[in-house]
Amino acid sequence: MNEAYVLLNVSYKSQQDVIENAEKISVVKSVKSVYGICDVLVILESEDMQKIKDAIDKDLHGMDGITNMTSLISVN
């Protein structure tokens, strides 16, 4: 199983919308609001790495309110 962790900086007014929209992405396993250097943590999981990449490149990058994104892809 392939996993990726995406750390998002989100404008305060958009945070709830970003969380709700991220939860609708088929390969998203979990979405968490976090305190610290980032605002939202998105965990993606799929047998197909291309589905994870597409979710990051198309679905997450297309969301309004995200000001910065850091993707960490597991290489087990």
PDB file of N, CA and C in Angstrom:
ATOM      1  N   MET A   1       0.853  -1.180   0.000  1.00  0.00           N
ATOM      2  CA  MET A   1       0.000   0.000   0.000  1.00  0.00           C
ATOM      3  C   MET A   1       0.894   1.238   0.000  1.00  0.00           C
ATOM      4  N   ASN A   2       0.622   2.158  -0.903  1.00  0.00           N
ATOM      5  CA  ASN A   2       1.362   3.415  -0.999  1.00  0.00           C
ATOM      6  C   ASN A   2       0.691   4.465  -0.129  1.00  0.00           C
ATOM      7  N   GLU A   3       1.518   5.294   0.505  1.00  0.00           N
ATOM      8  CA  GLU A   3       1.004   6.366   1.357  1.00  0.00           C
ATOM      9  C   GLU A   3       1.694   7.676   1.040  1.00  0.00           C
ATOM     10  N   ALA A   4       0.949   8.758   1.235  1.00  0.00           N
ATOM     11  CA  ALA A   4       1.524  10.096   1.113  1.00  0.00           C
ATOM     12  C   ALA A   4       0.920  10.973   2.196  1.00  0.00           C
ATOM     13  N   TYR A   5       1.717  11.906   2.659  1.00  0.00           N
ATOM     14  CA  TYR A   5       1.283  12.864   3.663  1.00  0.00           C
ATOM     15  C   TYR A   5       1.431  14.246   3.042  1.00  0.00           C
ATOM     16  N   VAL A   6       0.362  15.027   3.098  1.00  0.00           N
ATOM     17  CA  VAL A   6       0.405  16.367   2.516  1.00  0.00           C
ATOM     18  C   VAL A   6       0.112  17.371   3.624  1.00  0.00           C
ATOM     19  N   LEU A   7       1.053  18.295   3.817  1.00  0.00           N
ATOM     20  CA  LEU A   7       0.929  19.348   4.819  1.00  0.00           C
ATOM     21  C   LEU A   7       0.477  20.616   4.117  1.00  0.00           C
ATOM     22  N   LEU A   8      -0.610  21.190   4.598  1.00  0.00           N
ATOM     23  CA  LEU A   8      -1.189  22.363   3.953  1.00  0.00           C
ATOM     24  C   LEU A   8      -1.173  23.573   4.870  1.00  0.00           C
ATOM     25  N   ASN A   9      -0.830  24.709   4.301  1.00  0.00           N
ATOM     26  CA  ASN A   9      -1.087  25.999   4.931  1.00  0.00           C
ATOM     27  C   ASN A   9      -2.331  26.534   4.244  1.00  0.00           C
ATOM     28  N   VAL A  10      -3.311  26.924   5.046  1.00  0.00           N
ATOM     29  CA  VAL A  10      -4.614  27.295   4.528  1.00  0.00           C
ATOM     30  C   VAL A  10      -5.039  28.620   5.138  1.00  0.00           C
ATOM     31  N   SER A  11      -5.660  29.485   4.338  1.00  0.00           N
ATOM     32  CA  SER A  11      -6.202  30.716   4.891  1.00  0.00           C
ATOM     33  C   SER A  11      -7.291  30.350   5.890  1.00  0.00           C
ATOM     34  N   TYR A  12      -7.375  31.080   6.973  1.00  0.00           N
ATOM     35  CA  TYR A  12      -8.276  30.741   8.072  1.00  0.00           C
ATOM     36  C   TYR A  12      -9.730  30.610   7.612  1.00  0.00           C
ATOM     37  N   LYS A  13     -10.163  31.508   6.767  1.00  0.00           N
ATOM     38  CA  LYS A  13     -11.556  31.494   6.309  1.00  0.00           C
ATOM     39  C   LYS A  13     -11.874  30.283   5.432  1.00  0.00           C
ATOM     40  N   SER A  14     -10.869  29.682   4.821  1.00  0.00           N
ATOM     41  CA  SER A  14     -11.084  28.557   3.907  1.00  0.00           C
ATOM     42  C   SER A  14     -10.845  27.196   4.548  1.00  0.00           C
ATOM     43  N   GLN A  15     -10.391  27.184   5.778  1.00  0.00           N
ATOM     44  CA  GLN A  15      -9.942  25.922   6.381  1.00  0.00           C
ATOM     45  C   GLN A  15     -11.028  24.849   6.392  1.00  0.00           C
ATOM     46  N   GLN A  16     -12.227  25.161   6.808  1.00  0.00           N
ATOM     47  CA  GLN A  16     -13.286  24.156   6.878  1.00  0.00           C
ATOM     48  C   GLN A  16     -13.657  23.640   5.489  1.00  0.00           C
ATOM     49  N   ASP A  17     -13.703  24.529   4.495  1.00  0.00           N
ATOM     50  CA  ASP A  17     -14.004  24.106   3.126  1.00  0.00           C
ATOM     51  C   ASP A  17     -12.921  23.170   2.585  1.00  0.00           C
ATOM     52  N   VAL A  18     -11.660  23.494   2.853  1.00  0.00           N
ATOM     53  CA  VAL A  18     -10.552  22.654   2.392  1.00  0.00           C
ATOM     54  C   VAL A  18     -10.653  21.271   3.035  1.00  0.00           C
ATOM     55  N   ILE A  19     -10.925  21.216   4.319  1.00  0.00           N
ATOM     56  CA  ILE A  19     -11.049  19.934   5.014  1.00  0.00           C
ATOM     57  C   ILE A  19     -12.192  19.118   4.421  1.00  0.00           C
ATOM     58  N   GLU A  20     -13.344  19.731   4.244  1.00  0.00           N
ATOM     59  CA  GLU A  20     -14.507  19.022   3.712  1.00  0.00           C
ATOM     60  C   GLU A  20     -14.266  18.522   2.284  1.00  0.00           C
ATOM     61  N   ASN A  21     -13.638  19.339   1.459  1.00  0.00           N
ATOM     62  CA  ASN A  21     -13.362  18.942   0.081  1.00  0.00           C
ATOM     63  C   ASN A  21     -12.292  17.857   0.005  1.00  0.00           C
ATOM     64  N   ALA A  22     -11.289  17.942   0.855  1.00  0.00           N
ATOM     65  CA  ALA A  22     -10.235  16.922   0.866  1.00  0.00           C
ATOM     66  C   ALA A  22     -10.800  15.568   1.286  1.00  0.00           C
ATOM     67  N   GLU A  23     -11.736  15.565   2.215  1.00  0.00           N
ATOM     68  CA  GLU A  23     -12.339  14.306   2.672  1.00  0.00           C
ATOM     69  C   GLU A  23     -13.121  13.606   1.568  1.00  0.00           C
ATOM     70  N   LYS A  24     -13.509  14.314   0.527  1.00  0.00           N
ATOM     71  CA  LYS A  24     -14.266  13.739  -0.595  1.00  0.00           C
ATOM     72  C   LYS A  24     -13.381  13.043  -1.626  1.00  0.00           C
ATOM     73  N   ILE A  25     -12.079  13.237  -1.557  1.00  0.00           N
ATOM     74  CA  ILE A  25     -11.155  12.635  -2.519  1.00  0.00           C
ATOM     75  C   ILE A  25     -11.047  11.141  -2.221  1.00  0.00           C
ATOM     76  N   SER A  26     -11.200  10.325  -3.236  1.00  0.00           N
ATOM     77  CA  SER A  26     -11.315   8.874  -3.031  1.00  0.00           C
ATOM     78  C   SER A  26     -10.119   8.228  -2.340  1.00  0.00           C
ATOM     79  N   VAL A  27      -8.921   8.704  -2.573  1.00  0.00           N
ATOM     80  CA  VAL A  27      -7.733   8.066  -1.980  1.00  0.00           C
ATOM     81  C   VAL A  27      -7.328   8.686  -0.641  1.00  0.00           C
ATOM     82  N   VAL A  28      -8.108   9.648  -0.156  1.00  0.00           N
ATOM     83  CA  VAL A  28      -7.798  10.270   1.129  1.00  0.00           C
ATOM     84  C   VAL A  28      -8.248   9.349   2.259  1.00  0.00           C
ATOM     85  N   LYS A  29      -7.300   8.995   3.101  1.00  0.00           N
ATOM     86  CA  LYS A  29      -7.572   8.120   4.245  1.00  0.00           C
ATOM     87  C   LYS A  29      -8.012   8.933   5.457  1.00  0.00           C
ATOM     88  N   SER A  30      -7.394  10.122   5.627  1.00  0.00           N
ATOM     89  CA  SER A  30      -7.676  10.932   6.807  1.00  0.00           C
ATOM     90  C   SER A  30      -7.305  12.391   6.543  1.00  0.00           C
ATOM     91  N   VAL A  31      -8.068  13.290   7.156  1.00  0.00           N
ATOM     92  CA  VAL A  31      -7.770  14.726   7.111  1.00  0.00           C
ATOM     93  C   VAL A  31      -7.829  15.239   8.537  1.00  0.00           C
ATOM     94  N   LYS A  32      -6.775  15.917   8.964  1.00  0.00           N
ATOM     95  CA  LYS A  32      -6.716  16.402  10.335  1.00  0.00           C
ATOM     96  C   LYS A  32      -6.335  17.877  10.378  1.00  0.00           C
ATOM     97  N   SER A  33      -7.032  18.621  11.200  1.00  0.00           N
ATOM     98  CA  SER A  33      -6.643  19.995  11.494  1.00  0.00           C
ATOM     99  C   SER A  33      -5.532  19.903  12.535  1.00  0.00           C
ATOM    100  N   VAL A  34      -4.430  20.607  12.306  1.00  0.00           N
ATOM    101  CA  VAL A  34      -3.277  20.506  13.211  1.00  0.00           C
ATOM    102  C   VAL A  34      -2.799  21.898  13.624  1.00  0.00           C
ATOM    103  N   TYR A  35      -2.113  21.943  14.745  1.00  0.00           N
ATOM    104  CA  TYR A  35      -1.484  23.170  15.216  1.00  0.00           C
ATOM    105  C   TYR A  35       0.006  23.076  14.946  1.00  0.00           C
ATOM    106  N   GLY A  36       0.607  24.187  14.627  1.00  0.00           N
ATOM    107  CA  GLY A  36       2.040  24.209  14.370  1.00  0.00           C
ATOM    108  C   GLY A  36       2.333  24.944  13.086  1.00  0.00           C
ATOM    109  N   ILE A  37       3.353  24.492  12.390  1.00  0.00           N
ATOM    110  CA  ILE A  37       3.801  25.164  11.179  1.00  0.00           C
ATOM    111  C   ILE A  37       2.803  24.999  10.020  1.00  0.00           C
ATOM    112  N   CYS A  38       1.965  23.969  10.085  1.00  0.00           N
ATOM    113  CA  CYS A  38       0.938  23.731   9.067  1.00  0.00           C
ATOM    114  C   CYS A  38      -0.435  23.742   9.709  1.00  0.00           C
ATOM    115  N   ASP A  39      -1.460  23.862   8.881  1.00  0.00           N
ATOM    116  CA  ASP A  39      -2.837  23.951   9.366  1.00  0.00           C
ATOM    117  C   ASP A  39      -3.625  22.660   9.191  1.00  0.00           C
ATOM    118  N   VAL A  40      -3.328  21.924   8.120  1.00  0.00           N
ATOM    119  CA  VAL A  40      -4.086  20.718   7.792  1.00  0.00           C
ATOM    120  C   VAL A  40      -3.114  19.627   7.347  1.00  0.00           C
ATOM    121  N   LEU A  41      -3.368  18.400   7.812  1.00  0.00           N
ATOM    122  CA  LEU A  41      -2.614  17.223   7.384  1.00  0.00           C
ATOM    123  C   LEU A  41      -3.571  16.311   6.629  1.00  0.00           C
ATOM    124  N   VAL A  42      -3.185  15.939   5.409  1.00  0.00           N
ATOM    125  CA  VAL A  42      -3.986  15.031   4.592  1.00  0.00           C
ATOM    126  C   VAL A  42      -3.164  13.764   4.385  1.00  0.00           C
ATOM    127  N   ILE A  43      -3.754  12.617   4.714  1.00  0.00           N
ATOM    128  CA  ILE A  43      -3.096  11.328   4.520  1.00  0.00           C
ATOM    129  C   ILE A  43      -3.810  10.609   3.379  1.00  0.00           C
ATOM    130  N   LEU A  44      -3.039  10.253   2.358  1.00  0.00           N
ATOM    131  CA  LEU A  44      -3.587   9.570   1.190  1.00  0.00           C
ATOM    132  C   LEU A  44      -3.037   8.148   1.139  1.00  0.00           C
ATOM    133  N   GLU A  45      -3.851   7.214   0.654  1.00  0.00           N
ATOM    134  CA  GLU A  45      -3.434   5.821   0.605  1.00  0.00           C
ATOM    135  C   GLU A  45      -4.084   5.129  -0.583  1.00  0.00           C
ATOM    136  N   SER A  46      -3.278   4.356  -1.337  1.00  0.00           N
ATOM    137  CA  SER A  46      -3.796   3.616  -2.480  1.00  0.00           C
ATOM    138  C   SER A  46      -2.774   2.576  -2.917  1.00  0.00           C
ATOM    139  N   GLU A  47      -3.267   1.515  -3.512  1.00  0.00           N
ATOM    140  CA  GLU A  47      -2.373   0.522  -4.132  1.00  0.00           C
ATOM    141  C   GLU A  47      -1.705   1.127  -5.373  1.00  0.00           C
ATOM    142  N   ASP A  48      -2.373   2.086  -5.982  1.00  0.00           N
ATOM    143  CA  ASP A  48      -1.917   2.708  -7.225  1.00  0.00           C
ATOM    144  C   ASP A  48      -1.309   4.082  -6.929  1.00  0.00           C
ATOM    145  N   MET A  49       0.008   4.180  -7.034  1.00  0.00           N
ATOM    146  CA  MET A  49       0.694   5.440  -6.745  1.00  0.00           C
ATOM    147  C   MET A  49       0.224   6.563  -7.662  1.00  0.00           C
ATOM    148  N   GLN A  50      -0.141   6.242  -8.893  1.00  0.00           N
ATOM    149  CA  GLN A  50      -0.602   7.280  -9.814  1.00  0.00           C
ATOM    150  C   GLN A  50      -1.871   7.949  -9.309  1.00  0.00           C
ATOM    151  N   LYS A  51      -2.748   7.210  -8.643  1.00  0.00           N
ATOM    152  CA  LYS A  51      -3.964   7.796  -8.074  1.00  0.00           C
ATOM    153  C   LYS A  51      -3.622   8.799  -6.979  1.00  0.00           C
ATOM    154  N   ILE A  52      -2.611   8.506  -6.201  1.00  0.00           N
ATOM    155  CA  ILE A  52      -2.164   9.438  -5.160  1.00  0.00           C
ATOM    156  C   ILE A  52      -1.602  10.701  -5.811  1.00  0.00           C
ATOM    157  N   LYS A  53      -0.747  10.523  -6.808  1.00  0.00           N
ATOM    158  CA  LYS A  53      -0.155  11.670  -7.498  1.00  0.00           C
ATOM    159  C   LYS A  53      -1.231  12.542  -8.148  1.00  0.00           C
ATOM    160  N   ASP A  54      -2.206  11.901  -8.774  1.00  0.00           N
ATOM    161  CA  ASP A  54      -3.292  12.653  -9.410  1.00  0.00           C
ATOM    162  C   ASP A  54      -4.111  13.427  -8.379  1.00  0.00           C
ATOM    163  N   ALA A  55      -4.369  12.814  -7.234  1.00  0.00           N
ATOM    164  CA  ALA A  55      -5.130  13.496  -6.180  1.00  0.00           C
ATOM    165  C   ALA A  55      -4.385  14.733  -5.692  1.00  0.00           C
ATOM    166  N   ILE A  56      -3.073  14.631  -5.566  1.00  0.00           N
ATOM    167  CA  ILE A  56      -2.270  15.774  -5.124  1.00  0.00           C
ATOM    168  C   ILE A  56      -2.225  16.841  -6.219  1.00  0.00           C
ATOM    169  N   ASP A  57      -1.881  16.418  -7.428  1.00  0.00           N
ATOM    170  CA  ASP A  57      -1.684  17.365  -8.532  1.00  0.00           C
ATOM    171  C   ASP A  57      -2.974  18.021  -9.012  1.00  0.00           C
ATOM    172  N   LYS A  58      -4.054  17.271  -9.063  1.00  0.00           N
ATOM    173  CA  LYS A  58      -5.295  17.797  -9.632  1.00  0.00           C
ATOM    174  C   LYS A  58      -6.283  18.251  -8.570  1.00  0.00           C
ATOM    175  N   ASP A  59      -6.539  17.395  -7.599  1.00  0.00           N
ATOM    176  CA  ASP A  59      -7.582  17.704  -6.616  1.00  0.00           C
ATOM    177  C   ASP A  59      -7.119  18.713  -5.561  1.00  0.00           C
ATOM    178  N   LEU A  60      -6.003  18.436  -4.909  1.00  0.00           N
ATOM    179  CA  LEU A  60      -5.556  19.351  -3.851  1.00  0.00           C
ATOM    180  C   LEU A  60      -5.047  20.671  -4.418  1.00  0.00           C
ATOM    181  N   HIS A  61      -4.236  20.612  -5.466  1.00  0.00           N
ATOM    182  CA  HIS A  61      -3.694  21.850  -6.046  1.00  0.00           C
ATOM    183  C   HIS A  61      -4.783  22.758  -6.595  1.00  0.00           C
ATOM    184  N   GLY A  62      -5.931  22.201  -6.933  1.00  0.00           N
ATOM    185  CA  GLY A  62      -7.012  22.993  -7.484  1.00  0.00           C
ATOM    186  C   GLY A  62      -7.900  23.670  -6.446  1.00  0.00           C
ATOM    187  N   MET A  63      -7.675  23.409  -5.169  1.00  0.00           N
ATOM    188  CA  MET A  63      -8.537  23.967  -4.120  1.00  0.00           C
ATOM    189  C   MET A  63      -8.181  25.406  -3.791  1.00  0.00           C
ATOM    190  N   ASP A  64      -9.214  26.217  -3.638  1.00  0.00           N
ATOM    191  CA  ASP A  64      -9.027  27.599  -3.205  1.00  0.00           C
ATOM    192  C   ASP A  64      -8.711  27.632  -1.722  1.00  0.00           C
ATOM    193  N   GLY A  65      -7.891  28.577  -1.312  1.00  0.00           N
ATOM    194  CA  GLY A  65      -7.592  28.791   0.094  1.00  0.00           C
ATOM    195  C   GLY A  65      -6.298  28.169   0.563  1.00  0.00           C
ATOM    196  N   ILE A  66      -5.709  27.282  -0.248  1.00  0.00           N
ATOM    197  CA  ILE A  66      -4.427  26.682   0.130  1.00  0.00           C
ATOM    198  C   ILE A  66      -3.316  27.636  -0.294  1.00  0.00           C
ATOM    199  N   THR A  67      -2.490  28.035   0.661  1.00  0.00           N
ATOM    200  CA  THR A  67      -1.422  28.993   0.376  1.00  0.00           C
ATOM    201  C   THR A  67      -0.062  28.334   0.207  1.00  0.00           C
ATOM    202  N   ASN A  68       0.081  27.113   0.750  1.00  0.00           N
ATOM    203  CA  ASN A  68       1.344  26.389   0.611  1.00  0.00           C
ATOM    204  C   ASN A  68       1.069  24.909   0.810  1.00  0.00           C
ATOM    205  N   MET A  69       1.837  24.070   0.114  1.00  0.00           N
ATOM    206  CA  MET A  69       1.637  22.638   0.204  1.00  0.00           C
ATOM    207  C   MET A  69       2.984  21.939   0.203  1.00  0.00           C
ATOM    208  N   THR A  70       3.142  20.966   1.108  1.00  0.00           N
ATOM    209  CA  THR A  70       4.330  20.129   1.138  1.00  0.00           C
ATOM    210  C   THR A  70       3.879  18.681   1.080  1.00  0.00           C
ATOM    211  N   SER A  71       4.375  17.942   0.093  1.00  0.00           N
ATOM    212  CA  SER A  71       3.997  16.535  -0.073  1.00  0.00           C
ATOM    213  C   SER A  71       5.147  15.638   0.359  1.00  0.00           C
ATOM    214  N   LEU A  72       4.807  14.635   1.132  1.00  0.00           N
ATOM    215  CA  LEU A  72       5.778  13.630   1.582  1.00  0.00           C
ATOM    216  C   LEU A  72       5.245  12.284   1.156  1.00  0.00           C
ATOM    217  N   ILE A  73       5.957  11.614   0.240  1.00  0.00           N
ATOM    218  CA  ILE A  73       5.497  10.320  -0.258  1.00  0.00           C
ATOM    219  C   ILE A  73       6.370   9.235   0.350  1.00  0.00           C
ATOM    220  N   SER A  74       5.716   8.280   0.988  1.00  0.00           N
ATOM    221  CA  SER A  74       6.408   7.176   1.638  1.00  0.00           C
ATOM    222  C   SER A  74       7.063   6.274   0.599  1.00  0.00           C
ATOM    223  N   VAL A  75       8.271   5.788   0.887  1.00  0.00           N
ATOM    224  CA  VAL A  75       8.992   4.941  -0.046  1.00  0.00           C
ATOM    225  C   VAL A  75       9.337   3.579   0.563  1.00  0.00           C
ATOM    226  N   ASN A  76       8.369   2.974   1.219  1.00  0.00           N
ATOM    227  CA  ASN A  76       8.593   1.663   1.847  1.00  0.00           C
ATOM    228  C   ASN A  76       8.872   0.626   0.808  1.00  0.00           C
TER     229      ASN A  76
END
